[in-house]
Amino acid sequence: MNIGIIGAGKLGNALAVAMNKLEFSISGIYSRSEESCQSLCRKLNLEMDNCLDAVIINSEVIFLCVPDNDIENMASHIASSFKSESVSGKVFFHLSGALSSEVLQPLVDMGAYTGSFHPIQTFADRENSWQKLFGCFFGFEGCDKARKCASKIADKLNAKMIFIRKEQKTLYHAAACMISNYTVTLFYIMHEMLLKSGMDEEAAINAFMPLLKNTVDNIEKLGYINALTGPISRGDHKVVGQHLKAISCEIPEFEAIYRLLGRETIDLAVKKGNLKDDDVLSLKGILGET
C-alpha cells in the first residue's frame, strides 16, 4: 500500500513514522514548510521532494494531516489542481475528530473514497508520539471502501476502530476535548491553588502527580463510578463548605468551576450508592442547585 502524507506537523510525523515502521511504502510527503518536510524525510531515511504532485499521483492512500481549518481548503485545492484520473479510486483520510468526511466532498466528486480516521490520542511530542498510535482507538466515519482500508491499517497498528455517525462527530470530539484538554486545565487550576496555599513550584507540579496517575488507573481498573473518592463521595458537606470558603477568599475565579464540578459529582456519588438523602440535600444546599 503506497501512502502519501500531507502535513508534517506532530500528527503527520507520528503517522508517517508508524506507517514506515509497519513497512508501508511512503510514496510522498508535502508540507507548507520545506524544513518540516525534509526533517520528516530524514527521520524516515528517505530522499524525496516536498511535492504535492508526488503525493497525489504516486499514492493509493492519502492522509490529510493538516489543521481542521485547512482540510476543506486542501481538498478543494487538490480537486482544482489535478485531473480526475489522478484522484479517482484513491482513498483520502483526514484525521480530524470534529469534522466529518463531508469536508472532502470535492474529492468524492472526482471519484475518490473518503473517510475521517481520528486517533483517540494526544500528540504533544514530535519525536516519540508515533508509539501512541499502536494499540490505540480510532474514531472512523466515512464510506465503505475507506472503512475497509482504515480497518487494514488499524489491524497493522493493533488498534481498534469506533464507528461514529457523521451527525455526531462534533459531540464525539467535544468529549475527547473534555477528557484530554480540560484535564490539563484542571491540572493548571490545581497548580494555581497549591501555589496560593504556599507550596513551591516544584512541589505544586510533582506532589500531586501520583494522585492523578492513580486516579486514571482506578478508572481503568474499577470503572469511573467505583473510582470516585473524596468528600462528596463520603457526604462530608462541612469539608465542601470549607473548600468553598477558602477558594472564595484566596482564589475566587475558580469558585464557579468548583461548584459546577461538585454538583456533577453529587450525581456520580448517588449512582455509586454512597449518599443518603440528607447528604444530597446538604451538599446541594452548599454547592447551589442549577
Protein backbone atom coordinates (compact mmCIF):
# COMPACT_ATOMS: atom_id res chain seq x y z
CA MET A 1 0.00 0.00 0.00
CA ASN A 2 1.52 3.35 -1.10
CA ILE A 3 0.77 6.07 1.45
CA GLY A 4 1.05 9.82 0.95
CA ILE A 5 1.26 12.32 3.79
CA ILE A 6 0.03 15.90 3.51
CA GLY A 7 1.16 17.89 6.55
CA ALA A 8 4.35 17.27 8.51
CA GLY A 9 3.37 18.52 11.95
CA LYS A 10 3.23 16.40 15.10
CA LEU A 11 0.44 14.13 13.89
CA GLY A 12 1.83 13.88 10.36
CA ASN A 13 5.20 12.90 11.85
CA ALA A 14 3.65 10.29 14.12
CA LEU A 15 1.59 8.74 11.34
CA ALA A 16 4.43 8.70 8.81
CA VAL A 17 6.88 7.10 11.25
CA ALA A 18 4.33 4.48 12.33
CA MET A 19 3.45 3.61 8.72
CA ASN A 20 7.12 3.40 7.83
CA LYS A 21 7.83 1.04 10.73
CA LEU A 22 4.97 -1.16 9.54
CA GLU A 23 6.72 -1.28 6.17
CA PHE A 24 4.03 0.57 4.26
CA SER A 25 5.56 2.49 1.38
CA ILE A 26 5.67 6.25 1.99
CA SER A 27 5.21 7.47 -1.58
CA GLY A 28 5.17 11.22 -0.98
CA ILE A 29 5.26 13.94 1.66
CA TYR A 30 4.03 17.50 1.32
CA SER A 31 4.17 20.33 3.83
CA ARG A 32 3.80 24.08 3.69
CA SER A 33 7.18 24.14 5.44
CA GLU A 34 10.12 22.84 3.42
CA GLU A 35 12.12 22.28 6.61
CA SER A 36 9.29 20.26 8.22
CA CYS A 37 9.10 18.05 5.15
CA GLN A 38 12.84 17.46 4.99
CA SER A 39 13.05 16.87 8.75
CA LEU A 40 10.45 14.14 8.42
CA CYS A 41 12.23 12.66 5.39
CA ARG A 42 15.46 12.47 7.39
CA LYS A 43 13.61 10.74 10.20
CA LEU A 44 12.27 8.18 7.72
CA ASN A 45 15.65 7.86 5.98
CA LEU A 46 14.01 8.84 2.69
CA GLU A 47 15.01 11.25 -0.01
CA MET A 48 12.07 12.98 -1.67
CA ASP A 49 10.98 16.44 -2.72
CA ASN A 50 8.38 18.46 -0.88
CA CYS A 51 5.86 17.89 -3.65
CA LEU A 52 2.06 17.67 -3.60
CA ASP A 53 2.06 16.22 -7.11
CA ALA A 54 4.13 13.25 -5.94
CA VAL A 55 1.78 12.63 -3.02
CA ILE A 56 -1.34 12.61 -5.18
CA ILE A 57 -0.01 10.82 -8.25
CA ASN A 58 2.10 8.15 -6.54
CA SER A 59 -0.15 7.24 -3.61
CA GLU A 60 -3.08 4.87 -3.20
CA VAL A 61 -3.99 6.21 0.25
CA ILE A 62 -3.52 9.86 1.21
CA PHE A 63 -3.70 11.28 4.72
CA LEU A 64 -4.52 14.96 5.19
CA CYS A 65 -2.67 15.69 8.43
CA VAL A 66 -3.40 19.40 8.34
CA PRO A 67 -5.23 21.60 10.89
CA ASP A 68 -9.03 21.34 10.86
CA ASN A 69 -9.38 24.83 9.39
CA ASP A 70 -7.29 23.80 6.37
CA ILE A 71 -8.83 20.43 5.50
CA GLU A 72 -11.66 21.67 3.30
CA ASN A 73 -9.38 24.16 1.53
CA MET A 74 -6.81 21.43 0.86
CA ALA A 75 -9.48 19.12 -0.56
CA SER A 76 -10.71 21.91 -2.84
CA HIS A 77 -7.15 22.75 -3.88
CA ILE A 78 -6.46 19.14 -4.84
CA ALA A 79 -9.73 18.92 -6.75
CA SER A 80 -8.96 22.06 -8.73
CA SER A 81 -5.29 21.23 -9.36
CA PHE A 82 -5.43 17.62 -10.54
CA LYS A 83 -7.24 15.70 -13.23
CA SER A 84 -9.87 13.18 -12.21
CA GLU A 85 -7.69 10.22 -13.20
CA SER A 86 -5.10 11.28 -10.59
CA VAL A 87 -7.73 11.22 -7.83
CA SER A 88 -10.37 8.70 -8.83
CA GLY A 89 -10.28 5.38 -6.98
CA LYS A 90 -7.90 6.61 -4.29
CA VAL A 91 -8.65 6.77 -0.59
CA PHE A 92 -8.35 10.10 1.23
CA PHE A 93 -8.48 10.33 5.02
CA HIS A 94 -8.46 13.37 7.23
CA LEU A 95 -7.56 12.94 10.91
CA SER A 96 -9.91 15.49 12.48
CA GLY A 97 -12.08 14.39 15.37
CA ALA A 98 -14.54 17.24 14.92
CA LEU A 99 -15.16 17.22 11.16
CA SER A 100 -16.97 14.59 9.13
CA SER A 101 -15.82 13.23 5.79
CA GLU A 102 -18.21 15.67 4.09
CA VAL A 103 -15.43 18.27 4.01
CA LEU A 104 -13.72 16.04 1.43
CA GLN A 105 -16.72 16.17 -0.93
CA PRO A 106 -14.75 17.84 -3.78
CA LEU A 107 -12.63 14.67 -3.90
CA VAL A 108 -15.69 12.42 -3.83
CA ASP A 109 -16.98 14.34 -6.85
CA MET A 110 -13.81 13.27 -8.66
CA GLY A 111 -14.30 9.60 -7.81
CA ALA A 112 -12.25 9.32 -4.62
CA TYR A 113 -13.22 7.39 -1.48
CA THR A 114 -13.12 9.37 1.74
CA GLY A 115 -13.23 8.99 5.49
CA SER A 116 -12.30 10.60 8.77
CA PHE A 117 -9.83 8.45 10.73
CA HIS A 118 -9.28 10.11 14.09
CA PRO A 119 -6.72 8.67 16.54
CA ILE A 120 -8.11 8.97 20.06
CA GLN A 121 -4.76 10.05 21.45
CA THR A 122 -2.76 13.14 22.26
CA PHE A 123 0.37 14.03 20.30
CA ALA A 124 2.43 16.55 22.24
CA ASP A 125 5.83 15.02 21.46
CA ARG A 126 7.01 15.22 17.84
CA GLU A 127 9.76 12.62 18.33
CA ASN A 128 8.04 9.72 20.07
CA SER A 129 4.30 10.19 19.52
CA TRP A 130 4.26 7.52 16.78
CA GLN A 131 4.33 4.91 19.53
CA LYS A 132 0.93 6.08 20.76
CA LEU A 133 -0.73 5.03 17.50
CA PHE A 134 -0.05 1.38 18.31
CA GLY A 135 -2.88 -0.17 20.30
CA CYS A 136 -4.98 3.00 20.41
CA PHE A 137 -8.60 3.51 19.30
CA PHE A 138 -9.60 5.33 16.13
CA GLY A 139 -12.92 7.07 15.57
CA PHE A 140 -13.99 6.37 11.98
CA GLU A 141 -16.67 7.88 9.77
CA GLY A 142 -16.82 7.57 6.00
CA CYS A 143 -17.66 5.39 3.04
CA ASP A 144 -17.42 1.60 3.00
CA LYS A 145 -14.32 1.49 0.77
CA ALA A 146 -12.49 3.88 3.11
CA ARG A 147 -13.66 1.87 6.11
CA LYS A 148 -12.12 -1.33 4.72
CA CYS A 149 -8.85 0.48 4.07
CA ALA A 150 -8.87 2.01 7.57
CA SER A 151 -9.52 -1.42 9.09
CA LYS A 152 -6.43 -2.86 7.38
CA ILE A 153 -4.27 -0.05 8.76
CA ALA A 154 -5.82 -0.34 12.24
CA ASP A 155 -5.16 -4.08 12.26
CA LYS A 156 -1.49 -3.47 11.47
CA LEU A 157 -1.34 -1.00 14.36
CA ASN A 158 -3.07 -3.47 16.68
CA ALA A 159 -5.64 -0.70 17.09
CA LYS A 160 -9.43 -0.75 17.33
CA MET A 161 -12.00 1.30 15.45
CA ILE A 162 -15.11 3.02 16.78
CA PHE A 163 -17.70 3.93 14.18
CA ILE A 164 -19.16 7.42 14.51
CA ARG A 165 -22.19 8.81 12.68
CA LYS A 166 -21.31 11.99 10.83
CA GLU A 167 -24.05 13.86 12.68
CA GLN A 168 -22.37 13.04 16.00
CA LYS A 169 -18.76 13.90 15.14
CA THR A 170 -18.82 17.25 16.93
CA LEU A 171 -20.20 15.82 20.18
CA TYR A 172 -17.73 12.94 19.97
CA HIS A 173 -14.84 15.38 19.61
CA ALA A 174 -16.13 17.59 22.42
CA ALA A 175 -15.95 14.53 24.69
CA ALA A 176 -12.34 13.96 23.64
CA CYS A 177 -11.52 17.59 24.45
CA MET A 178 -13.20 17.34 27.84
CA ILE A 179 -11.14 14.35 28.98
CA SER A 180 -7.82 15.36 27.41
CA ASN A 181 -7.56 19.13 27.08
CA TYR A 182 -9.56 20.02 30.16
CA THR A 183 -7.63 17.58 32.32
CA VAL A 184 -4.65 19.81 31.55
CA THR A 185 -6.75 22.83 32.51
CA LEU A 186 -7.75 21.18 35.79
CA PHE A 187 -4.09 20.49 36.49
CA TYR A 188 -3.37 24.17 35.91
CA ILE A 189 -6.15 25.15 38.35
CA MET A 190 -4.79 22.73 40.95
CA HIS A 191 -1.30 24.16 40.41
CA GLU A 192 -2.51 27.73 40.98
CA MET A 193 -4.39 26.73 44.12
CA LEU A 194 -1.34 24.98 45.54
CA LEU A 195 0.90 27.97 44.84
CA LYS A 196 -1.68 30.15 46.60
CA SER A 197 -1.55 27.76 49.56
CA GLY A 198 2.19 28.43 49.91
CA MET A 199 3.60 25.37 48.14
CA ASP A 200 6.66 25.93 45.97
CA GLU A 201 6.65 25.49 42.18
CA GLU A 202 8.30 22.06 42.07
CA ALA A 203 6.09 20.58 44.77
CA ALA A 204 2.96 22.05 43.16
CA ILE A 205 3.76 20.14 39.98
CA ASN A 206 5.18 16.90 41.34
CA ALA A 207 3.44 16.18 44.65
CA PHE A 208 0.02 15.50 43.15
CA MET A 209 1.19 13.67 40.02
CA PRO A 210 0.93 10.21 41.64
CA LEU A 211 -2.62 11.08 42.71
CA LEU A 212 -3.55 11.96 39.13
CA LYS A 213 -1.96 8.79 37.73
CA ASN A 214 -3.60 6.58 40.36
CA THR A 215 -6.98 8.16 39.66
CA VAL A 216 -6.66 7.26 35.99
CA ASP A 217 -5.51 3.78 36.98
CA ASN A 218 -8.55 3.37 39.25
CA ILE A 219 -10.90 4.43 36.47
CA GLU A 220 -9.38 1.81 34.20
CA LYS A 221 -9.46 -0.95 36.82
CA LEU A 222 -12.65 -0.17 38.72
CA GLY A 223 -14.77 1.90 36.34
CA TYR A 224 -15.46 5.60 36.72
CA ILE A 225 -18.23 5.21 39.30
CA ASN A 226 -16.29 3.00 41.70
CA ALA A 227 -13.17 5.13 41.22
CA LEU A 228 -14.87 8.11 42.87
CA THR A 229 -13.47 9.08 46.28
CA GLY A 230 -13.33 12.31 48.29
CA PRO A 231 -15.60 14.41 50.49
CA ILE A 232 -18.63 14.48 48.18
CA SER A 233 -18.46 10.71 47.78
CA ARG A 234 -18.49 10.45 51.60
CA GLY A 235 -21.15 13.10 52.12
CA ASP A 236 -18.74 15.39 54.01
CA HIS A 237 -20.65 18.59 53.36
CA LYS A 238 -18.76 20.51 56.05
CA VAL A 239 -15.47 19.86 54.24
CA VAL A 240 -17.00 21.01 50.95
CA GLY A 241 -18.18 24.17 52.67
CA GLN A 242 -14.68 24.80 53.99
CA HIS A 243 -13.28 24.31 50.47
CA LEU A 244 -15.65 26.91 49.08
CA LYS A 245 -14.82 29.38 51.85
CA ALA A 246 -11.08 29.05 51.20
CA ILE A 247 -11.44 29.28 47.42
CA SER A 248 -13.75 32.31 47.54
CA CYS A 249 -11.29 34.06 49.85
CA GLU A 250 -7.99 33.14 48.20
CA ILE A 251 -8.69 32.47 44.53
CA PRO A 252 -12.35 33.33 43.78
CA GLU A 253 -12.04 32.99 39.99
CA PHE A 254 -12.14 29.21 40.45
CA GLU A 255 -15.17 29.07 42.74
CA ALA A 256 -17.71 28.64 39.93
CA ILE A 257 -15.70 25.73 38.49
CA TYR A 258 -15.56 24.02 41.89
CA ARG A 259 -19.32 24.45 42.35
CA LEU A 260 -20.13 23.13 38.87
CA LEU A 261 -17.91 20.07 39.17
CA GLY A 262 -19.15 19.47 42.68
CA ARG A 263 -22.79 19.40 41.57
CA GLU A 264 -21.98 16.87 38.86
CA THR A 265 -20.02 14.81 41.41
CA ILE A 266 -23.10 14.59 43.64
CA ASP A 267 -24.93 12.79 40.83
CA LEU A 268 -21.99 10.41 40.41
CA ALA A 269 -21.88 9.71 44.18
CA VAL A 270 -25.60 8.96 44.13
CA LYS A 271 -25.00 6.41 41.36
CA LYS A 272 -22.25 4.87 43.48
CA GLY A 273 -24.79 4.48 46.30
CA ASN A 274 -22.78 6.30 48.94
CA LEU A 275 -25.08 9.20 49.80
CA LYS A 276 -28.16 9.39 51.95
CA ASP A 277 -30.96 11.78 51.03
CA ASP A 278 -29.88 14.18 53.79
CA ASP A 279 -26.33 14.18 52.41
CA VAL A 280 -27.59 15.08 48.95
CA LEU A 281 -29.70 17.93 50.27
CA SER A 282 -26.86 19.32 52.36
CA LEU A 283 -24.36 19.14 49.52
CA LYS A 284 -26.76 20.73 47.03
CA GLY A 285 -27.51 23.47 49.51
CA ILE A 286 -23.83 24.28 49.87
CA LEU A 287 -22.89 23.95 46.18
CA GLY A 288 -26.07 25.57 44.87
CA GLU A 289 -28.64 23.92 42.66
CA THR A 290 -28.97 24.89 38.99
